[in-house]
């Protein structure tokens, strides 16, 4: 059974699809810029900035990656190291603090709890 659309439904569909397409483009555009930047030369990017279509097309970025894979692998190793150490340190600190706060014998329990809750409610901005 086919439902007949009136003018208001057609207008709504047009507006709906416009917003969907606009949102999809906004989400996909950064990836397009990354791919375009990977095919542009560094001097053009520094001088003119990024663009949707690559200018002064070069494969220099990909040649660097394939000619010197040790640098890329070292960067990934550093990344994994900092993620592992940061996660472990954060979990350890959070767990120990939660244990201490849960103990009713801890004299400064309310003060520490207040400091933790206060800093979660009111952020310090970009500087801290």
N, C-alpha and C. Protein backbone atom coordinates (compact mmCIF):
# COMPACT_ATOMS: atom_id res chain seq x y z
N UNK A 1 0.84 -1.18 0.00
CA UNK A 1 0.00 0.00 0.00
C UNK A 1 0.89 1.25 0.00
N UNK A 2 0.65 2.13 -0.91
CA UNK A 2 1.46 3.32 -1.07
C UNK A 2 0.75 4.50 -0.40
N UNK A 3 1.51 5.18 0.48
CA UNK A 3 0.95 6.34 1.18
C UNK A 3 1.26 7.59 0.37
N UNK A 4 0.26 8.37 0.16
CA UNK A 4 0.42 9.59 -0.61
C UNK A 4 0.94 10.69 0.31
N UNK A 5 1.97 11.42 -0.14
CA UNK A 5 2.58 12.45 0.69
C UNK A 5 2.03 13.82 0.29
N UNK A 6 1.74 14.61 1.33
CA UNK A 6 1.30 15.97 1.05
C UNK A 6 2.52 16.90 1.08
N UNK A 7 2.30 18.18 0.89
CA UNK A 7 3.39 19.15 0.77
C UNK A 7 4.21 19.25 2.04
N UNK A 8 3.56 19.16 3.21
CA UNK A 8 4.31 19.28 4.47
C UNK A 8 5.24 18.08 4.67
N UNK A 9 4.81 16.88 4.27
CA UNK A 9 5.66 15.71 4.41
C UNK A 9 6.85 15.78 3.44
N UNK A 10 6.62 16.27 2.25
CA UNK A 10 7.70 16.42 1.28
C UNK A 10 8.71 17.46 1.77
N UNK A 11 8.21 18.57 2.32
CA UNK A 11 9.10 19.61 2.86
C UNK A 11 9.92 19.06 4.02
N UNK A 12 9.27 18.30 4.90
CA UNK A 12 9.98 17.69 6.02
C UNK A 12 11.06 16.74 5.53
N UNK A 13 10.76 15.93 4.52
CA UNK A 13 11.74 15.00 3.97
C UNK A 13 12.94 15.74 3.38
N UNK A 14 12.69 16.84 2.68
CA UNK A 14 13.78 17.62 2.09
C UNK A 14 14.67 18.18 3.19
N UNK A 15 14.07 18.76 4.23
CA UNK A 15 14.85 19.32 5.35
C UNK A 15 15.61 18.22 6.07
N UNK A 16 14.95 17.09 6.29
CA UNK A 16 15.57 15.96 6.97
C UNK A 16 16.79 15.46 6.21
N UNK A 17 16.66 15.25 4.91
CA UNK A 17 17.78 14.76 4.11
C UNK A 17 18.89 15.80 3.99
N UNK A 18 18.54 17.07 3.97
CA UNK A 18 19.55 18.12 3.96
C UNK A 18 20.41 18.06 5.21
N UNK A 19 19.77 17.94 6.37
CA UNK A 19 20.53 17.87 7.62
C UNK A 19 21.33 16.57 7.72
N UNK A 20 20.80 15.47 7.24
CA UNK A 20 21.54 14.21 7.27
C UNK A 20 22.78 14.27 6.37
N UNK A 21 22.62 14.80 5.17
CA UNK A 21 23.75 14.91 4.25
C UNK A 21 24.79 15.88 4.80
N UNK A 22 24.35 17.00 5.36
CA UNK A 22 25.27 17.97 5.95
C UNK A 22 26.06 17.35 7.10
N UNK A 23 25.37 16.62 7.97
CA UNK A 23 26.04 15.97 9.09
C UNK A 23 27.03 14.91 8.61
N UNK A 24 26.65 14.15 7.60
CA UNK A 24 27.56 13.13 7.05
C UNK A 24 28.80 13.78 6.46
N UNK A 25 28.63 14.88 5.75
CA UNK A 25 29.79 15.58 5.18
C UNK A 25 30.71 16.14 6.26
N UNK A 26 30.12 16.67 7.31
CA UNK A 26 30.92 17.20 8.41
C UNK A 26 31.73 16.07 9.07
N UNK A 27 31.16 14.89 9.15
CA UNK A 27 31.86 13.76 9.77
C UNK A 27 32.94 13.18 8.86
N UNK A 28 32.73 13.19 7.54
CA UNK A 28 33.66 12.58 6.60
C UNK A 28 34.77 13.56 6.19
N UNK A 29 34.52 14.85 6.26
CA UNK A 29 35.48 15.85 5.79
C UNK A 29 36.85 15.75 6.46
N UNK A 30 36.97 15.55 7.77
CA UNK A 30 38.32 15.43 8.35
C UNK A 30 39.12 14.27 7.77
N UNK A 31 38.48 13.15 7.48
CA UNK A 31 39.19 12.02 6.89
C UNK A 31 39.66 12.35 5.46
N UNK A 32 38.83 13.05 4.72
CA UNK A 32 39.22 13.46 3.37
C UNK A 32 40.41 14.41 3.44
N UNK A 33 40.41 15.31 4.41
CA UNK A 33 41.51 16.25 4.58
C UNK A 33 42.80 15.52 4.94
N UNK A 34 42.72 14.49 5.76
CA UNK A 34 43.91 13.72 6.12
C UNK A 34 44.49 13.01 4.90
N UNK A 35 43.64 12.38 4.12
CA UNK A 35 44.11 11.67 2.92
C UNK A 35 44.68 12.68 1.92
N UNK A 36 44.01 13.80 1.74
CA UNK A 36 44.51 14.82 0.83
C UNK A 36 45.85 15.37 1.30
N UNK A 37 45.98 15.60 2.60
CA UNK A 37 47.24 16.09 3.16
C UNK A 37 48.37 15.10 3.01
N UNK A 38 48.04 13.80 3.03
CA UNK A 38 49.09 12.80 2.88
C UNK A 38 49.65 12.78 1.46
N UNK A 39 48.90 13.26 0.49
CA UNK A 39 49.37 13.31 -0.89
C UNK A 39 49.95 14.68 -1.27
N UNK A 40 49.87 15.66 -0.37
CA UNK A 40 50.42 17.00 -0.64
C UNK A 40 51.82 17.10 -0.05
N UNK A 41 52.62 18.01 -0.61
CA UNK A 41 53.96 18.20 -0.07
C UNK A 41 53.90 19.06 1.19
N UNK A 42 54.91 18.90 2.03
CA UNK A 42 54.94 19.63 3.30
C UNK A 42 55.02 21.13 3.09
N UNK A 43 55.77 21.57 2.10
CA UNK A 43 55.92 23.01 1.89
C UNK A 43 54.60 23.66 1.47
N UNK A 44 53.81 22.97 0.67
CA UNK A 44 52.51 23.51 0.26
C UNK A 44 51.56 23.57 1.45
N UNK A 45 51.60 22.56 2.30
CA UNK A 45 50.72 22.55 3.48
C UNK A 45 51.10 23.68 4.43
N UNK A 46 52.40 23.88 4.64
CA UNK A 46 52.84 24.95 5.54
C UNK A 46 52.50 26.32 4.95
N UNK A 47 52.70 26.48 3.66
CA UNK A 47 52.49 27.77 3.01
C UNK A 47 51.01 28.09 2.81
N UNK A 48 50.22 27.12 2.33
CA UNK A 48 48.83 27.39 1.94
C UNK A 48 47.80 26.69 2.81
N UNK A 49 48.21 25.75 3.63
CA UNK A 49 47.27 25.03 4.48
C UNK A 49 46.69 23.82 3.78
N UNK A 50 45.82 23.13 4.47
CA UNK A 50 45.19 21.93 3.93
C UNK A 50 44.06 22.30 2.97
N UNK A 51 43.78 21.40 2.05
CA UNK A 51 42.64 21.58 1.15
C UNK A 51 42.02 20.22 0.87
N UNK A 52 40.82 20.25 0.33
CA UNK A 52 40.11 18.99 0.05
C UNK A 52 40.83 18.22 -1.04
N UNK A 53 41.31 18.91 -2.05
CA UNK A 53 42.04 18.26 -3.13
C UNK A 53 43.53 18.54 -2.95
N UNK A 54 44.38 17.51 -3.10
CA UNK A 54 45.81 17.74 -2.89
C UNK A 54 46.41 18.65 -3.95
N UNK A 55 47.30 19.53 -3.50
CA UNK A 55 48.04 20.41 -4.41
C UNK A 55 49.50 19.96 -4.37
N UNK A 56 50.16 20.05 -5.48
CA UNK A 56 51.55 19.60 -5.61
C UNK A 56 51.64 18.14 -5.13
N UNK A 57 50.96 17.26 -5.85
CA UNK A 57 50.83 15.85 -5.47
C UNK A 57 52.19 15.19 -5.39
N UNK A 58 52.45 14.55 -4.28
CA UNK A 58 53.69 13.83 -4.05
C UNK A 58 53.42 12.61 -3.18
N UNK A 59 54.30 11.63 -3.31
CA UNK A 59 54.19 10.40 -2.50
C UNK A 59 55.25 10.38 -1.40
N UNK A 60 55.77 11.53 -1.05
CA UNK A 60 56.86 11.65 -0.10
C UNK A 60 56.50 11.06 1.27
N UNK A 61 55.30 11.28 1.73
CA UNK A 61 54.90 10.76 3.04
C UNK A 61 54.92 9.24 3.05
N UNK A 62 54.42 8.63 1.99
CA UNK A 62 54.39 7.17 1.92
C UNK A 62 55.78 6.59 1.69
N UNK A 63 56.62 7.30 0.94
CA UNK A 63 57.99 6.85 0.77
C UNK A 63 58.74 6.87 2.10
N UNK A 64 58.50 7.89 2.89
CA UNK A 64 59.14 7.98 4.21
C UNK A 64 58.71 6.83 5.10
N UNK A 65 57.44 6.51 5.09
CA UNK A 65 56.94 5.42 5.92
C UNK A 65 57.54 4.08 5.51
N UNK A 66 57.60 3.82 4.21
CA UNK A 66 58.10 2.53 3.74
C UNK A 66 59.62 2.44 3.73
N UNK A 67 60.30 3.57 3.62
CA UNK A 67 61.76 3.56 3.64
C UNK A 67 62.34 3.52 5.05
N UNK A 68 61.63 4.04 6.02
CA UNK A 68 62.11 4.08 7.40
C UNK A 68 61.03 3.57 8.35
N UNK A 69 60.73 2.27 8.31
CA UNK A 69 59.68 1.77 9.19
C UNK A 69 60.08 1.73 10.66
N UNK A 70 61.38 1.82 10.94
CA UNK A 70 61.82 1.79 12.34
C UNK A 70 61.29 2.99 13.12
N UNK A 71 61.26 4.15 12.50
CA UNK A 71 60.74 5.34 13.17
C UNK A 71 59.26 5.21 13.51
N UNK A 72 58.50 4.65 12.59
CA UNK A 72 57.06 4.45 12.82
C UNK A 72 56.85 3.43 13.93
N UNK A 73 57.62 2.34 13.88
CA UNK A 73 57.48 1.30 14.91
C UNK A 73 57.89 1.83 16.27
N UNK A 74 58.92 2.67 16.32
CA UNK A 74 59.34 3.27 17.59
C UNK A 74 58.23 4.17 18.14
N UNK A 75 57.57 4.91 17.26
CA UNK A 75 56.46 5.77 17.70
C UNK A 75 55.31 4.93 18.27
N UNK A 76 55.00 3.80 17.61
CA UNK A 76 53.95 2.92 18.13
C UNK A 76 54.35 2.29 19.46
N UNK A 77 55.63 1.92 19.59
CA UNK A 77 56.09 1.36 20.86
C UNK A 77 55.96 2.39 21.99
N UNK A 78 56.37 3.62 21.71
CA UNK A 78 56.24 4.68 22.71
C UNK A 78 54.78 4.89 23.08
N UNK A 79 53.92 4.89 22.07
CA UNK A 79 52.50 5.08 22.32
C UNK A 79 51.94 3.98 23.22
N UNK A 80 52.25 2.74 22.90
CA UNK A 80 51.77 1.63 23.71
C UNK A 80 52.35 1.67 25.12
N UNK A 81 53.60 2.06 25.23
CA UNK A 81 54.23 2.17 26.55
C UNK A 81 53.51 3.20 27.41
N UNK A 82 53.29 4.40 26.86
CA UNK A 82 52.64 5.45 27.64
C UNK A 82 51.18 5.11 27.96
N UNK A 83 50.50 4.43 27.05
CA UNK A 83 49.13 4.01 27.34
C UNK A 83 49.11 3.00 28.47
N UNK A 84 50.01 2.01 28.41
CA UNK A 84 50.04 0.98 29.46
C UNK A 84 50.42 1.57 30.82
N UNK A 85 51.47 2.38 30.85
CA UNK A 85 51.90 2.97 32.12
C UNK A 85 50.84 3.94 32.65
N UNK A 86 50.28 4.75 31.77
CA UNK A 86 49.25 5.70 32.20
C UNK A 86 48.00 5.01 32.72
N UNK A 87 47.57 3.96 32.04
CA UNK A 87 46.39 3.22 32.49
C UNK A 87 46.65 2.55 33.82
N UNK A 88 47.80 1.90 33.94
CA UNK A 88 48.13 1.24 35.20
C UNK A 88 48.21 2.23 36.35
N UNK A 89 48.89 3.35 36.13
CA UNK A 89 49.03 4.36 37.18
C UNK A 89 47.67 4.96 37.56
N UNK A 90 46.86 5.26 36.57
CA UNK A 90 45.53 5.82 36.85
C UNK A 90 44.64 4.86 37.61
N UNK A 91 44.64 3.59 37.20
CA UNK A 91 43.83 2.59 37.90
C UNK A 91 44.33 2.36 39.31
N UNK A 92 45.65 2.30 39.49
CA UNK A 92 46.22 2.09 40.82
C UNK A 92 45.86 3.25 41.74
N UNK A 93 46.03 4.47 41.26
CA UNK A 93 45.71 5.65 42.07
C UNK A 93 44.23 5.71 42.42
N UNK A 94 43.38 5.45 41.45
CA UNK A 94 41.94 5.48 41.70
C UNK A 94 41.52 4.40 42.68
N UNK A 95 42.06 3.21 42.52
CA UNK A 95 41.70 2.10 43.40
C UNK A 95 42.16 2.36 44.83
N UNK A 96 43.39 2.80 45.01
CA UNK A 96 43.89 3.07 46.36
C UNK A 96 43.14 4.22 47.02
N UNK A 97 42.84 5.26 46.25
CA UNK A 97 42.08 6.38 46.81
C UNK A 97 40.67 5.95 47.19
N UNK A 98 40.03 5.16 46.35
CA UNK A 98 38.68 4.69 46.67
C UNK A 98 38.68 3.82 47.92
N UNK A 99 39.71 2.99 48.07
CA UNK A 99 39.79 2.15 49.27
C UNK A 99 39.94 3.01 50.52
N UNK A 100 40.82 3.99 50.45
CA UNK A 100 41.05 4.85 51.62
C UNK A 100 39.78 5.62 51.98
N UNK A 101 39.09 6.14 50.97
CA UNK A 101 37.87 6.91 51.24
C UNK A 101 36.77 6.01 51.80
N UNK A 102 36.77 4.75 51.44
CA UNK A 102 35.71 3.86 51.93
C UNK A 102 35.89 3.48 53.40
N UNK A 103 37.05 3.68 53.96
CA UNK A 103 37.31 3.32 55.35
C UNK A 103 36.80 4.41 56.27
N UNK A 104 35.94 4.05 57.20
CA UNK A 104 35.37 5.04 58.13
C UNK A 104 36.38 5.50 59.17
N UNK A 105 37.45 4.75 59.35
CA UNK A 105 38.47 5.13 60.33
C UNK A 105 39.37 6.26 59.82
N UNK A 106 39.37 6.50 58.53
CA UNK A 106 40.25 7.51 57.94
C UNK A 106 39.77 8.89 58.39
N UNK A 107 40.66 9.61 59.06
CA UNK A 107 40.31 10.88 59.69
C UNK A 107 39.88 11.95 58.68
N UNK A 108 40.55 12.03 57.54
CA UNK A 108 40.29 13.08 56.56
C UNK A 108 39.43 12.59 55.41
N UNK A 109 38.61 11.62 55.67
CA UNK A 109 37.77 11.01 54.63
C UNK A 109 36.88 12.04 53.93
N UNK A 110 36.18 12.84 54.71
CA UNK A 110 35.25 13.82 54.12
C UNK A 110 35.99 14.91 53.36
N UNK A 111 37.14 15.32 53.85
CA UNK A 111 37.91 16.36 53.17
C UNK A 111 38.42 15.87 51.81
N UNK A 112 38.97 14.67 51.78
CA UNK A 112 39.47 14.11 50.52
C UNK A 112 38.31 13.88 49.55
N UNK A 113 37.20 13.37 50.05
CA UNK A 113 36.03 13.16 49.20
C UNK A 113 35.55 14.49 48.61
N UNK A 114 35.51 15.52 49.44
CA UNK A 114 35.07 16.82 48.95
C UNK A 114 36.00 17.34 47.87
N UNK A 115 37.31 17.20 48.08
CA UNK A 115 38.27 17.68 47.07
C UNK A 115 38.11 16.94 45.75
N UNK A 116 37.87 15.66 45.82
CA UNK A 116 37.69 14.88 44.59
C UNK A 116 36.39 15.26 43.90
N UNK A 117 35.31 15.34 44.65
CA UNK A 117 34.02 15.69 44.04
C UNK A 117 34.02 17.11 43.50
N UNK A 118 34.64 18.03 44.23
CA UNK A 118 34.68 19.43 43.81
C UNK A 118 35.41 19.57 42.48
N UNK A 119 36.53 18.87 42.33
CA UNK A 119 37.28 19.00 41.09
C UNK A 119 36.57 18.32 39.92
N UNK A 120 35.70 17.35 40.18
CA UNK A 120 34.94 16.76 39.08
C UNK A 120 33.79 17.65 38.65
N UNK A 121 33.27 18.45 39.55
CA UNK A 121 32.15 19.33 39.21
C UNK A 121 32.66 20.60 38.52
N UNK A 122 33.71 21.20 39.06
CA UNK A 122 34.23 22.46 38.52
C UNK A 122 35.61 22.22 37.93
N UNK A 123 35.68 22.22 36.59
CA UNK A 123 36.95 22.03 35.91
C UNK A 123 37.78 23.30 35.95
N UNK A 124 39.07 23.14 35.82
CA UNK A 124 39.98 24.27 35.88
C UNK A 124 40.21 24.94 34.54
N UNK A 125 39.62 24.43 33.49
CA UNK A 125 39.83 25.01 32.17
C UNK A 125 40.97 24.33 31.45
N UNK A 126 41.57 25.04 30.52
CA UNK A 126 42.62 24.47 29.68
C UNK A 126 43.98 24.46 30.36
N UNK A 127 44.26 25.39 31.26
CA UNK A 127 45.59 25.52 31.82
C UNK A 127 46.01 24.33 32.68
N UNK A 128 45.19 23.85 33.62
CA UNK A 128 45.63 22.73 34.45
C UNK A 128 45.80 21.48 33.63
